[in-house]
Amino acid sequence: MANDVIYNITPIEFRLDLKDPFLFTAHHVDHFPAANENMGPAFEPTKEEPYRMYYGDVVPGFPEHPHTGFETITLVERGFVDHFDSLGNGGRYAAGDVQWLSTGNGIEHCEMFPLLHQDKPNTFELFQIWFNSSAEQKKQDPAYKMMWREHIPHVAIEDHYGNQTDIRVISGEFNGTEAISRPLHSWAAAKENKVNIYLMTLDANAEITVPATTSTSTRFAYFYQGTTLGVAGELVHYRHLVELQPDVEIHLKAGDAEARILWLEGEPIGEPVAMRGPFVLNTDQELNDAFRRYRATHFGDWPWSSSAPVFKREQPRFASYNGGVEKEFPEQA
């Protein structure tokens, strides 16, 4: 490629294949219709309004399943998610919220996507980033943290022409504005690892310059909404992933429509990766041992009445911790 700042540009349908410390990101977009009485879709999908049930039968989503050895960072753009896990924790989160789950030495959880509106469509969109852990972090107990939309820091930037850019700082910092702290046993928790995750919204024709990071970092920009985006002088089209040189400033310019970008960068962990389904460890032997341990223990008892539970339709957003003993609501966080 003629532009030395851009390493690759890749069209994206669903999965973004990334590099250390990131594993991959799934971008879910579903045009769910109005809900039935059971918080499932009232109508079948159409070519114009497609959606997936994933592994759900009544409510779409991912019923009870295990993870170990990495983190899931779930950024909801539209819709609702109900979380339940084998620690006895649960919660409901929604558009603008982020859940950061460290799976550590093993956890079972489910993520269901209840459709709450019976009088209008339930359009759904989220990113789930699979983010690796170091060998030491893989041994720690699992834990999760909610980052409520009311508390996620924003950086507002105005260009020379008065066009606005909004940057939600999910991890790391941008121009001195720091994110909410990450879970303790996360590669992203240490400032020296420079794990910066942003959701950027640029007005039509807005321009912004993203500061350089370290020369050893991984750096990606995923342009997921808009028409075109100028990236370091190269024209990029909607739903393309751009791998970028990390140690230079990157100039971005939106086209004739609002542009939205998921920005990912961070220092690599630099350890071997052995991945099999929902387990991410360092060697095949560790994977074999983890699967044997899971078959014997299921990473703890599943305390819920079904493998795909959901909360009542009227349940407000909340999270519970410490085996469900402590409850947190956005206004109390």
C-alpha atoms as a PDB file:
ATOM      1  CA  MET A   1       0.000   0.000   0.000  1.00  0.00           C
ATOM      2  CA  ALA A   2       1.311   3.429  -0.995  1.00  0.00           C
ATOM      3  CA  ASN A   3       0.361   4.973   2.348  1.00  0.00           C
ATOM      4  CA  ASP A   4       3.015   3.801   4.840  1.00  0.00           C
ATOM      5  CA  VAL A   5       0.862   4.842   7.825  1.00  0.00           C
ATOM      6  CA  ILE A   6      -1.855   2.348   6.856  1.00  0.00           C
ATOM      7  CA  TYR A   7      -0.810  -1.300   7.041  1.00  0.00           C
ATOM      8  CA  ASN A   8      -4.100  -2.927   5.952  1.00  0.00           C
ATOM      9  CA  ILE A   9      -7.716  -2.096   5.113  1.00  0.00           C
ATOM     10  CA  THR A  10     -10.137  -5.016   5.509  1.00  0.00           C
ATOM     11  CA  PRO A  11     -13.880  -5.171   4.742  1.00  0.00           C
ATOM     12  CA  ILE A  12     -15.926  -6.428   7.699  1.00  0.00           C
ATOM     13  CA  GLU A  13     -19.164  -8.425   7.810  1.00  0.00           C
ATOM     14  CA  PHE A  14     -19.255  -9.487  11.465  1.00  0.00           C
ATOM     15  CA  ARG A  15     -15.855 -10.362  12.965  1.00  0.00           C
ATOM     16  CA  LEU A  16     -12.819  -8.114  13.275  1.00  0.00           C
ATOM     17  CA  ASP A  17      -9.634 -10.182  13.428  1.00  0.00           C
ATOM     18  CA  LEU A  18      -7.124  -8.244  15.516  1.00  0.00           C
ATOM     19  CA  LYS A  19      -3.658  -8.588  17.042  1.00  0.00           C
ATOM     20  CA  ASP A  20      -2.137  -8.911  20.538  1.00  0.00           C
ATOM     21  CA  PRO A  21      -3.361  -7.843  23.107  1.00  0.00           C
ATOM     22  CA  PHE A  22      -6.728  -8.035  21.277  1.00  0.00           C
ATOM     23  CA  LEU A  23      -8.019 -11.374  20.005  1.00  0.00           C
ATOM     24  CA  PHE A  24     -11.001 -10.338  17.896  1.00  0.00           C
ATOM     25  CA  THR A  25     -14.145  -8.230  18.040  1.00  0.00           C
ATOM     26  CA  ALA A  26     -17.677  -9.245  17.051  1.00  0.00           C
ATOM     27  CA  HIS A  27     -19.974  -6.507  15.740  1.00  0.00           C
ATOM     28  CA  HIS A  28     -23.606  -7.520  16.239  1.00  0.00           C
ATOM     29  CA  VAL A  29     -26.313  -5.594  14.385  1.00  0.00           C
ATOM     30  CA  ASP A  30     -29.843  -7.038  14.464  1.00  0.00           C
ATOM     31  CA  HIS A  31     -33.083  -5.476  13.296  1.00  0.00           C
ATOM     32  CA  PHE A  32     -35.376  -7.099  15.830  1.00  0.00           C
ATOM     33  CA  PRO A  33     -39.061  -6.236  15.371  1.00  0.00           C
ATOM     34  CA  ALA A  34     -41.548  -5.406  18.111  1.00  0.00           C
ATOM     35  CA  ALA A  35     -41.499  -7.920  20.971  1.00  0.00           C
ATOM     36  CA  ASN A  36     -43.976 -10.606  21.891  1.00  0.00           C
ATOM     37  CA  GLU A  37     -45.140 -11.165  25.476  1.00  0.00           C
ATOM     38  CA  ASN A  38     -42.039 -13.289  26.202  1.00  0.00           C
ATOM     39  CA  MET A  39     -39.530 -10.581  25.124  1.00  0.00           C
ATOM     40  CA  GLY A  40     -38.731 -12.462  21.936  1.00  0.00           C
ATOM     41  CA  PRO A  41     -39.332 -11.228  18.366  1.00  0.00           C
ATOM     42  CA  ALA A  42     -43.001 -11.098  17.380  1.00  0.00           C
ATOM     43  CA  PHE A  43     -42.215 -11.548  13.670  1.00  0.00           C
ATOM     44  CA  GLU A  44     -39.885 -13.616  11.529  1.00  0.00           C
ATOM     45  CA  PRO A  45     -36.827 -11.877  10.024  1.00  0.00           C
ATOM     46  CA  THR A  46     -37.037 -10.513   6.493  1.00  0.00           C
ATOM     47  CA  LYS A  47     -34.435  -9.705   3.894  1.00  0.00           C
ATOM     48  CA  GLU A  48     -34.923  -6.007   4.646  1.00  0.00           C
ATOM     49  CA  GLU A  49     -34.966  -6.443   8.447  1.00  0.00           C
ATOM     50  CA  PRO A  50     -32.652  -9.368   9.252  1.00  0.00           C
ATOM     51  CA  TYR A  51     -31.816 -10.638  12.714  1.00  0.00           C
ATOM     52  CA  ARG A  52     -30.218 -13.626  14.440  1.00  0.00           C
ATOM     53  CA  MET A  53     -31.449 -15.565  17.445  1.00  0.00           C
ATOM     54  CA  TYR A  54     -27.871 -16.761  18.128  1.00  0.00           C
ATOM     55  CA  TYR A  55     -28.342 -19.711  20.537  1.00  0.00           C
ATOM     56  CA  GLY A  56     -31.560 -18.448  22.108  1.00  0.00           C
ATOM     57  CA  ASP A  57     -34.887 -20.213  21.544  1.00  0.00           C
ATOM     58  CA  VAL A  58     -37.369 -17.608  22.822  1.00  0.00           C
ATOM     59  CA  VAL A  59     -35.181 -14.593  23.633  1.00  0.00           C
ATOM     60  CA  PRO A  60     -32.167 -14.022  21.381  1.00  0.00           C
ATOM     61  CA  GLY A  61     -28.724 -14.322  22.929  1.00  0.00           C
ATOM     62  CA  PHE A  62     -26.143 -16.703  24.303  1.00  0.00           C
ATOM     63  CA  PRO A  63     -27.399 -19.053  27.055  1.00  0.00           C
ATOM     64  CA  GLU A  64     -25.115 -20.507  29.744  1.00  0.00           C
ATOM     65  CA  HIS A  65     -21.570 -21.116  28.448  1.00  0.00           C
ATOM     66  CA  PRO A  66     -18.032 -21.133  29.905  1.00  0.00           C
ATOM     67  CA  HIS A  67     -14.963 -18.925  29.465  1.00  0.00           C
ATOM     68  CA  THR A  68     -11.471 -18.843  30.889  1.00  0.00           C
ATOM     69  CA  GLY A  69      -8.214 -16.996  30.312  1.00  0.00           C
ATOM     70  CA  PHE A  70      -9.262 -13.693  28.707  1.00  0.00           C
ATOM     71  CA  GLU A  71     -11.682 -10.771  28.996  1.00  0.00           C
ATOM     72  CA  THR A  72     -14.872  -9.796  27.213  1.00  0.00           C
ATOM     73  CA  ILE A  73     -15.496  -6.077  26.826  1.00  0.00           C
ATOM     74  CA  THR A  74     -19.089  -5.535  25.727  1.00  0.00           C
ATOM     75  CA  LEU A  75     -20.041  -2.098  24.381  1.00  0.00           C
ATOM     76  CA  VAL A  76     -23.768  -1.691  23.780  1.00  0.00           C
ATOM     77  CA  GLU A  77     -24.829   0.851  21.184  1.00  0.00           C
ATOM     78  CA  ARG A  78     -28.525  -0.060  20.919  1.00  0.00           C
ATOM     79  CA  GLY A  79     -30.759  -2.458  22.855  1.00  0.00           C
ATOM     80  CA  PHE A  80     -30.494  -4.327  26.167  1.00  0.00           C
ATOM     81  CA  VAL A  81     -28.390  -7.165  27.603  1.00  0.00           C
ATOM     82  CA  ASP A  82     -29.230  -9.369  30.606  1.00  0.00           C
ATOM     83  CA  HIS A  83     -26.191 -10.904  32.316  1.00  0.00           C
ATOM     84  CA  PHE A  84     -26.149 -13.926  34.660  1.00  0.00           C
ATOM     85  CA  ASP A  85     -23.095 -15.857  35.860  1.00  0.00           C
ATOM     86  CA  SER A  86     -21.975 -18.817  37.954  1.00  0.00           C
ATOM     87  CA  LEU A  87     -20.833 -16.480  40.745  1.00  0.00           C
ATOM     88  CA  GLY A  88     -24.475 -15.596  41.381  1.00  0.00           C
ATOM     89  CA  ASN A  89     -24.172 -12.142  39.817  1.00  0.00           C
ATOM     90  CA  GLY A  90     -26.628 -10.644  37.371  1.00  0.00           C
ATOM     91  CA  GLY A  91     -27.517  -7.367  35.771  1.00  0.00           C
ATOM     92  CA  ARG A  92     -29.196  -5.508  32.955  1.00  0.00           C
ATOM     93  CA  TYR A  93     -27.337  -2.980  30.872  1.00  0.00           C
ATOM     94  CA  ALA A  94     -28.233  -1.047  27.759  1.00  0.00           C
ATOM     95  CA  ALA A  95     -27.301   1.440  25.054  1.00  0.00           C
ATOM     96  CA  GLY A  96     -24.220   3.421  26.055  1.00  0.00           C
ATOM     97  CA  ASP A  97     -23.170   1.035  28.848  1.00  0.00           C
ATOM     98  CA  VAL A  98     -20.051  -1.147  28.869  1.00  0.00           C
ATOM     99  CA  GLN A  99     -19.490  -4.413  30.733  1.00  0.00           C
ATOM    100  CA  TRP A 100     -15.886  -5.521  31.336  1.00  0.00           C
ATOM    101  CA  LEU A 101     -15.662  -9.185  32.349  1.00  0.00           C
ATOM    102  CA  SER A 102     -12.376 -10.828  33.386  1.00  0.00           C
ATOM    103  CA  THR A 103     -12.935 -14.569  33.022  1.00  0.00           C
ATOM    104  CA  GLY A 104      -9.684 -15.449  34.837  1.00  0.00           C
ATOM    105  CA  ASN A 105      -9.516 -19.069  35.973  1.00  0.00           C
ATOM    106  CA  GLY A 106     -13.031 -19.831  34.793  1.00  0.00           C
ATOM    107  CA  ILE A 107     -16.649 -18.703  34.828  1.00  0.00           C
ATOM    108  CA  GLU A 108     -19.958 -19.614  33.243  1.00  0.00           C
ATOM    109  CA  HIS A 109     -22.255 -16.828  32.151  1.00  0.00           C
ATOM    110  CA  CYS A 110     -25.091 -16.063  29.803  1.00  0.00           C
ATOM    111  CA  GLU A 111     -25.853 -12.961  27.771  1.00  0.00           C
ATOM    112  CA  MET A 112     -29.448 -12.620  26.640  1.00  0.00           C
ATOM    113  CA  PHE A 113     -30.871  -9.802  24.521  1.00  0.00           C
ATOM    114  CA  PRO A 114     -34.437  -9.186  25.793  1.00  0.00           C
ATOM    115  CA  LEU A 115     -36.716  -7.201  23.511  1.00  0.00           C
ATOM    116  CA  LEU A 116     -38.516  -4.772  25.786  1.00  0.00           C
ATOM    117  CA  HIS A 117     -40.630  -2.750  23.352  1.00  0.00           C
ATOM    118  CA  GLN A 118     -43.915  -4.237  22.151  1.00  0.00           C
ATOM    119  CA  ASP A 119     -44.998  -1.117  20.273  1.00  0.00           C
ATOM    120  CA  LYS A 120     -41.920  -0.459  18.120  1.00  0.00           C
ATOM    121  CA  PRO A 121     -38.834  -2.206  16.678  1.00  0.00           C
ATOM    122  CA  ASN A 122     -36.027  -3.314  19.013  1.00  0.00           C
ATOM    123  CA  THR A 123     -32.954  -2.533  16.913  1.00  0.00           C
ATOM    124  CA  PHE A 124     -29.887  -4.040  18.566  1.00  0.00           C
ATOM    125  CA  GLU A 125     -26.182  -3.268  18.194  1.00  0.00           C
ATOM    126  CA  LEU A 126     -23.151  -4.110  20.271  1.00  0.00           C
ATOM    127  CA  PHE A 127     -19.451  -4.794  20.073  1.00  0.00           C
ATOM    128  CA  GLN A 128     -17.867  -7.586  22.053  1.00  0.00           C
ATOM    129  CA  ILE A 129     -14.098  -7.332  22.230  1.00  0.00           C
ATOM    130  CA  TRP A 130     -12.200 -10.489  23.173  1.00  0.00           C
ATOM    131  CA  PHE A 131      -9.156  -9.133  24.981  1.00  0.00           C
ATOM    132  CA  ASN A 132      -6.312 -11.388  26.092  1.00  0.00           C
ATOM    133  CA  SER A 133      -4.853 -11.775  29.594  1.00  0.00           C
ATOM    134  CA  SER A 134      -1.293 -12.480  30.671  1.00  0.00           C
ATOM    135  CA  ALA A 135      -0.383 -15.913  32.027  1.00  0.00           C
ATOM    136  CA  GLU A 136      -0.532 -14.570  35.576  1.00  0.00           C
ATOM    137  CA  GLN A 137      -3.888 -12.862  35.018  1.00  0.00           C
ATOM    138  CA  LYS A 138      -5.354 -16.096  33.634  1.00  0.00           C
ATOM    139  CA  LYS A 139      -4.878 -17.648  37.106  1.00  0.00           C
ATOM    140  CA  GLN A 140      -6.899 -14.996  38.955  1.00  0.00           C
ATOM    141  CA  ASP A 141     -10.509 -15.308  40.087  1.00  0.00           C
ATOM    142  CA  PRO A 142     -13.089 -13.991  37.603  1.00  0.00           C
ATOM    143  CA  ALA A 143     -14.686 -10.600  38.148  1.00  0.00           C
ATOM    144  CA  TYR A 144     -16.615  -7.998  36.218  1.00  0.00           C
ATOM    145  CA  LYS A 145     -17.281  -4.301  36.271  1.00  0.00           C
ATOM    146  CA  MET A 146     -20.054  -2.172  34.852  1.00  0.00           C
ATOM    147  CA  MET A 147     -19.249   1.155  33.232  1.00  0.00           C
ATOM    148  CA  TRP A 148     -22.540   3.034  33.100  1.00  0.00           C
ATOM    149  CA  ARG A 149     -23.147   5.464  30.261  1.00  0.00           C
ATOM    150  CA  GLU A 150     -23.771   8.256  32.781  1.00  0.00           C
ATOM    151  CA  HIS A 151     -20.188   7.947  34.046  1.00  0.00           C
ATOM    152  CA  ILE A 152     -18.120   7.116  30.954  1.00  0.00           C
ATOM    153  CA  PRO A 153     -15.888  10.149  30.233  1.00  0.00           C
ATOM    154  CA  HIS A 154     -16.414  12.079  27.001  1.00  0.00           C
ATOM    155  CA  VAL A 155     -13.978  14.370  25.229  1.00  0.00           C
ATOM    156  CA  ALA A 156     -15.524  17.031  22.965  1.00  0.00           C
ATOM    157  CA  ILE A 157     -13.381  18.517  20.202  1.00  0.00           C
ATOM    158  CA  GLU A 158     -14.313  21.260  17.755  1.00  0.00           C
ATOM    159  CA  ASP A 159     -12.356  21.648  14.509  1.00  0.00           C
ATOM    160  CA  HIS A 160     -11.487  24.870  12.664  1.00  0.00           C
ATOM    161  CA  TYR A 161     -14.880  24.902  10.943  1.00  0.00           C
ATOM    162  CA  GLY A 162     -16.966  24.347  14.074  1.00  0.00           C
ATOM    163  CA  ASN A 163     -17.625  20.669  13.407  1.00  0.00           C
ATOM    164  CA  GLN A 164     -17.834  18.523  16.525  1.00  0.00           C
ATOM    165  CA  THR A 165     -16.255  15.208  17.516  1.00  0.00           C
ATOM    166  CA  ASP A 166     -17.296  13.260  20.606  1.00  0.00           C
ATOM    167  CA  ILE A 167     -14.903  10.651  22.033  1.00  0.00           C
ATOM    168  CA  ARG A 168     -16.079   8.178  24.659  1.00  0.00           C
ATOM    169  CA  VAL A 169     -13.022   7.000  26.573  1.00  0.00           C
ATOM    170  CA  ILE A 170     -13.654   3.344  27.465  1.00  0.00           C
ATOM    171  CA  SER A 171     -10.061   2.485  28.391  1.00  0.00           C
ATOM    172  CA  GLY A 172      -6.855   4.472  28.824  1.00  0.00           C
ATOM    173  CA  GLU A 173      -6.970   8.200  28.215  1.00  0.00           C
ATOM    174  CA  PHE A 174      -7.429  10.793  25.501  1.00  0.00           C
ATOM    175  CA  ASN A 175      -5.792  14.209  25.754  1.00  0.00           C
ATOM    176  CA  GLY A 176      -5.535  13.881  29.529  1.00  0.00           C
ATOM    177  CA  THR A 177      -9.075  12.580  30.136  1.00  0.00           C
ATOM    178  CA  GLU A 178      -8.843   9.178  31.815  1.00  0.00           C
ATOM    179  CA  ALA A 179     -11.290   6.296  31.577  1.00  0.00           C
ATOM    180  CA  ILE A 180     -13.026   4.601  34.479  1.00  0.00           C
ATOM    181  CA  SER A 181     -10.616   2.145  36.104  1.00  0.00           C
ATOM    182  CA  ARG A 182     -10.558  -1.342  34.597  1.00  0.00           C
ATOM    183  CA  PRO A 183     -10.784  -4.585  36.621  1.00  0.00           C
ATOM    184  CA  LEU A 184      -7.718  -5.104  38.799  1.00  0.00           C
ATOM    185  CA  HIS A 185      -6.399  -8.189  37.003  1.00  0.00           C
ATOM    186  CA  SER A 186      -6.643  -6.776  33.491  1.00  0.00           C
ATOM    187  CA  TRP A 187      -3.804  -6.091  31.067  1.00  0.00           C
ATOM    188  CA  ALA A 188      -5.579  -2.773  30.459  1.00  0.00           C
ATOM    189  CA  ALA A 189      -5.405  -1.756  34.142  1.00  0.00           C
ATOM    190  CA  ALA A 190      -1.728  -0.743  34.015  1.00  0.00           C
ATOM    191  CA  LYS A 191      -1.076   2.656  32.415  1.00  0.00           C
ATOM    192  CA  GLU A 192       2.190   1.471  30.884  1.00  0.00           C
ATOM    193  CA  ASN A 193       0.267  -0.966  28.661  1.00  0.00           C
ATOM    194  CA  LYS A 194      -1.347   1.979  26.855  1.00  0.00           C
ATOM    195  CA  VAL A 195      -4.626   0.168  26.185  1.00  0.00           C
ATOM    196  CA  ASN A 196      -6.798   2.884  24.669  1.00  0.00           C
ATOM    197  CA  ILE A 197     -10.333   2.034  23.560  1.00  0.00           C
ATOM    198  CA  TYR A 198     -12.479   4.848  22.178  1.00  0.00           C
ATOM    199  CA  LEU A 199     -15.871   5.186  20.538  1.00  0.00           C
ATOM    200  CA  MET A 200     -15.660   8.239  18.288  1.00  0.00           C
ATOM    201  CA  THR A 201     -18.531  10.131  16.699  1.00  0.00           C
ATOM    202  CA  LEU A 202     -17.587  12.746  14.101  1.00  0.00           C
ATOM    203  CA  ASP A 203     -20.070  15.221  12.655  1.00  0.00           C
ATOM    204  CA  ALA A 204     -20.265  15.276   8.881  1.00  0.00           C
ATOM    205  CA  ASN A 205     -17.006  16.804   7.560  1.00  0.00           C
ATOM    206  CA  ALA A 206     -15.477  16.958  11.059  1.00  0.00           C
ATOM    207  CA  GLU A 207     -11.712  16.553  11.405  1.00  0.00           C
ATOM    208  CA  ILE A 208      -9.654  15.266  14.310  1.00  0.00           C
ATOM    209  CA  THR A 209      -6.062  14.225  14.959  1.00  0.00           C
ATOM    210  CA  VAL A 210      -5.456  11.197  17.174  1.00  0.00           C
ATOM    211  CA  PRO A 211      -2.163  11.383  19.130  1.00  0.00           C
ATOM    212  CA  ALA A 212       0.642   8.900  18.544  1.00  0.00           C
ATOM    213  CA  THR A 213       1.188   6.005  20.926  1.00  0.00           C
ATOM    214  CA  THR A 214       4.233   3.723  21.383  1.00  0.00           C
ATOM    215  CA  SER A 215       6.022   2.192  18.411  1.00  0.00           C
ATOM    216  CA  THR A 216       5.413  -1.327  19.772  1.00  0.00           C
ATOM    217  CA  SER A 217       1.637  -0.979  20.192  1.00  0.00           C
ATOM    218  CA  THR A 218      -1.073  -2.583  18.101  1.00  0.00           C
ATOM    219  CA  ARG A 219      -3.472  -0.047  16.562  1.00  0.00           C
ATOM    220  CA  PHE A 220      -6.789  -0.456  14.704  1.00  0.00           C
ATOM    221  CA  ALA A 221      -9.675   1.791  13.652  1.00  0.00           C
ATOM    222  CA  TYR A 222     -13.016   0.260  12.652  1.00  0.00           C
ATOM    223  CA  PHE A 223     -15.264   2.606  10.655  1.00  0.00           C
ATOM    224  CA  TYR A 224     -18.718   1.211  11.389  1.00  0.00           C
ATOM    225  CA  GLN A 225     -21.168   3.980  10.528  1.00  0.00           C
ATOM    226  CA  GLY A 226     -21.143   6.682   7.879  1.00  0.00           C
ATOM    227  CA  THR A 227     -20.374   6.999   4.176  1.00  0.00           C
ATOM    228  CA  THR A 228     -16.650   7.630   3.834  1.00  0.00           C
ATOM    229  CA  LEU A 229     -13.818   8.457   6.192  1.00  0.00           C
ATOM    230  CA  GLY A 230     -10.465  10.024   5.424  1.00  0.00           C
ATOM    231  CA  VAL A 231      -7.735   8.200   7.365  1.00  0.00           C
ATOM    232  CA  ALA A 232      -4.222   9.611   7.029  1.00  0.00           C
ATOM    233  CA  GLY A 233      -5.137  10.859   3.551  1.00  0.00           C
ATOM    234  CA  GLU A 234      -6.658   7.543   2.413  1.00  0.00           C
ATOM    235  CA  LEU A 235     -10.391   7.230   1.632  1.00  0.00           C
ATOM    236  CA  VAL A 236     -11.970   4.427   3.669  1.00  0.00           C
ATOM    237  CA  HIS A 237     -15.502   3.121   3.151  1.00  0.00           C
ATOM    238  CA  TYR A 238     -18.160   2.112   5.668  1.00  0.00           C
ATOM    239  CA  ARG A 239     -17.555  -1.145   7.590  1.00  0.00           C
ATOM    240  CA  HIS A 240     -13.829  -1.397   6.983  1.00  0.00           C
ATOM    241  CA  LEU A 241     -11.112  -2.131   9.533  1.00  0.00           C
ATOM    242  CA  VAL A 242      -7.870  -0.163   9.237  1.00  0.00           C
ATOM    243  CA  GLU A 243      -4.590  -1.305  10.802  1.00  0.00           C
ATOM    244  CA  LEU A 244      -2.399   1.711  11.494  1.00  0.00           C
ATOM    245  CA  GLN A 245       1.147   2.693  12.339  1.00  0.00           C
ATOM    246  CA  PRO A 246       1.052   3.374  16.092  1.00  0.00           C
ATOM    247  CA  ASP A 247       3.788   5.944  16.664  1.00  0.00           C
ATOM    248  CA  VAL A 248       2.463   8.742  14.429  1.00  0.00           C
ATOM    249  CA  GLU A 249      -0.467  11.126  14.692  1.00  0.00           C
ATOM    250  CA  ILE A 250      -3.455  10.017  12.620  1.00  0.00           C
ATOM    251  CA  HIS A 251      -5.663  12.576  10.903  1.00  0.00           C
ATOM    252  CA  LEU A 252      -9.327  11.612  10.472  1.00  0.00           C
ATOM    253  CA  LYS A 253     -11.952  13.424   8.405  1.00  0.00           C
ATOM    254  CA  ALA A 254     -15.592  12.380   8.127  1.00  0.00           C
ATOM    255  CA  GLY A 255     -17.372  12.383   4.790  1.00  0.00           C
ATOM    256  CA  ASP A 256     -20.766  13.929   4.114  1.00  0.00           C
ATOM    257  CA  ALA A 257     -22.468  12.019   6.958  1.00  0.00           C
ATOM    258  CA  GLU A 258     -21.801  11.438  10.631  1.00  0.00           C
ATOM    259  CA  ALA A 259     -18.967   8.932  11.090  1.00  0.00           C
ATOM    260  CA  ARG A 260     -18.570   6.458  13.949  1.00  0.00           C
ATOM    261  CA  ILE A 261     -15.330   4.663  14.744  1.00  0.00           C
ATOM    262  CA  LEU A 262     -14.216   2.023  17.229  1.00  0.00           C
ATOM    263  CA  TRP A 263     -10.567   2.761  18.047  1.00  0.00           C
ATOM    264  CA  LEU A 264      -8.355   0.053  19.601  1.00  0.00           C
ATOM    265  CA  GLU A 265      -4.693   0.262  20.583  1.00  0.00           C
ATOM    266  CA  GLY A 266      -2.397  -1.231  23.194  1.00  0.00           C
ATOM    267  CA  GLU A 267       0.928  -2.818  24.020  1.00  0.00           C
ATOM    268  CA  PRO A 268       1.066  -6.532  23.166  1.00  0.00           C
ATOM    269  CA  ILE A 269       1.299  -9.107  25.959  1.00  0.00           C
ATOM    270  CA  GLY A 270       3.872 -11.040  23.964  1.00  0.00           C
ATOM    271  CA  GLU A 271       3.005 -14.532  25.213  1.00  0.00           C
ATOM    272  CA  PRO A 272       1.932 -17.652  23.284  1.00  0.00           C
ATOM    273  CA  VAL A 273      -1.787 -17.924  22.549  1.00  0.00           C
ATOM    274  CA  ALA A 274      -3.591 -21.265  22.574  1.00  0.00           C
ATOM    275  CA  MET A 275      -7.275 -20.813  21.814  1.00  0.00           C
ATOM    276  CA  ARG A 276      -9.975 -23.451  21.624  1.00  0.00           C
ATOM    277  CA  GLY A 277     -13.549 -22.238  21.474  1.00  0.00           C
ATOM    278  CA  PRO A 278     -14.289 -20.114  24.554  1.00  0.00           C
ATOM    279  CA  PHE A 279     -10.952 -20.857  26.304  1.00  0.00           C
ATOM    280  CA  VAL A 280      -7.766 -18.829  25.728  1.00  0.00           C
ATOM    281  CA  LEU A 281      -4.591 -20.044  27.438  1.00  0.00           C
ATOM    282  CA  ASN A 282      -0.902 -20.309  26.586  1.00  0.00           C
ATOM    283  CA  THR A 283      -0.416 -23.969  25.609  1.00  0.00           C
ATOM    284  CA  ASP A 284      -2.443 -26.929  24.323  1.00  0.00           C
ATOM    285  CA  GLN A 285      -1.727 -28.765  27.565  1.00  0.00           C
ATOM    286  CA  GLU A 286      -3.253 -25.899  29.543  1.00  0.00           C
ATOM    287  CA  LEU A 287      -6.317 -26.051  27.307  1.00  0.00           C
ATOM    288  CA  ASN A 288      -6.658 -29.801  27.870  1.00  0.00           C
ATOM    289  CA  ASP A 289      -6.353 -29.306  31.628  1.00  0.00           C
ATOM    290  CA  ALA A 290      -8.925 -26.491  31.590  1.00  0.00           C
ATOM    291  CA  PHE A 291     -11.471 -28.573  29.674  1.00  0.00           C
ATOM    292  CA  ARG A 292     -11.011 -31.453  32.132  1.00  0.00           C
ATOM    293  CA  ARG A 293     -11.496 -29.030  35.024  1.00  0.00           C
ATOM    294  CA  TYR A 294     -14.594 -27.587  33.413  1.00  0.00           C
ATOM    295  CA  ARG A 295     -16.148 -31.012  32.846  1.00  0.00           C
ATOM    296  CA  ALA A 296     -15.528 -31.836  36.509  1.00  0.00           C
ATOM    297  CA  THR A 297     -16.587 -28.556  38.101  1.00  0.00           C
ATOM    298  CA  HIS A 298     -18.470 -26.427  35.523  1.00  0.00           C
ATOM    299  CA  PHE A 299     -16.495 -23.553  37.101  1.00  0.00           C
ATOM    300  CA  GLY A 300     -19.014 -23.573  39.953  1.00  0.00           C
ATOM    301  CA  ASP A 301     -22.715 -24.329  40.313  1.00  0.00           C
ATOM    302  CA  TRP A 302     -25.149 -22.557  38.001  1.00  0.00           C
ATOM    303  CA  PRO A 303     -27.525 -20.854  40.474  1.00  0.00           C
ATOM    304  CA  TRP A 304     -30.222 -19.794  38.004  1.00  0.00           C
ATOM    305  CA  SER A 305     -33.486 -21.555  37.140  1.00  0.00           C
ATOM    306  CA  SER A 306     -32.661 -21.997  33.448  1.00  0.00           C
ATOM    307  CA  SER A 307     -29.711 -21.806  31.090  1.00  0.00           C
ATOM    308  CA  ALA A 308     -31.199 -18.703  29.433  1.00  0.00           C
ATOM    309  CA  PRO A 309     -32.840 -16.576  32.128  1.00  0.00           C
ATOM    310  CA  VAL A 310     -33.988 -12.989  31.628  1.00  0.00           C
ATOM    311  CA  PHE A 311     -35.262 -10.333  34.000  1.00  0.00           C
ATOM    312  CA  LYS A 312     -38.802  -8.990  33.947  1.00  0.00           C
ATOM    313  CA  ARG A 313     -39.587  -6.447  31.271  1.00  0.00           C
ATOM    314  CA  GLU A 314     -39.861  -3.596  33.807  1.00  0.00           C
ATOM    315  CA  GLN A 315     -36.457  -4.289  35.436  1.00  0.00           C
ATOM    316  CA  PRO A 316     -34.291  -1.128  35.320  1.00  0.00           C
ATOM    317  CA  ARG A 317     -30.583  -1.247  34.578  1.00  0.00           C
ATOM    318  CA  PHE A 318     -28.486  -2.579  37.456  1.00  0.00           C
ATOM    319  CA  ALA A 319     -25.567  -4.852  38.336  1.00  0.00           C
ATOM    320  CA  SER A 320     -24.961  -7.207  41.235  1.00  0.00           C
ATOM    321  CA  TYR A 321     -21.600  -8.255  42.650  1.00  0.00           C
ATOM    322  CA  ASN A 322     -20.156 -10.566  45.307  1.00  0.00           C
ATOM    323  CA  GLY A 323     -22.502 -13.424  44.599  1.00  0.00           C
ATOM    324  CA  GLY A 324     -25.467 -11.115  44.142  1.00  0.00           C
ATOM    325  CA  VAL A 325     -25.166  -9.620  47.638  1.00  0.00           C
ATOM    326  CA  GLU A 326     -24.303  -6.107  46.468  1.00  0.00           C
ATOM    327  CA  LYS A 327     -26.515  -4.297  43.971  1.00  0.00           C
ATOM    328  CA  GLU A 328     -25.559  -1.203  42.003  1.00  0.00           C
ATOM    329  CA  PHE A 329     -27.733   1.111  39.946  1.00  0.00           C
ATOM    330  CA  PRO A 330     -26.347   3.736  37.537  1.00  0.00           C
ATOM    331  CA  GLU A 331     -27.397   6.649  39.713  1.00  0.00           C
ATOM    332  CA  GLN A 332     -25.623   5.083  42.713  1.00  0.00           C
ATOM    333  CA  ALA A 333     -22.344   4.179  40.979  1.00  0.00           C
END
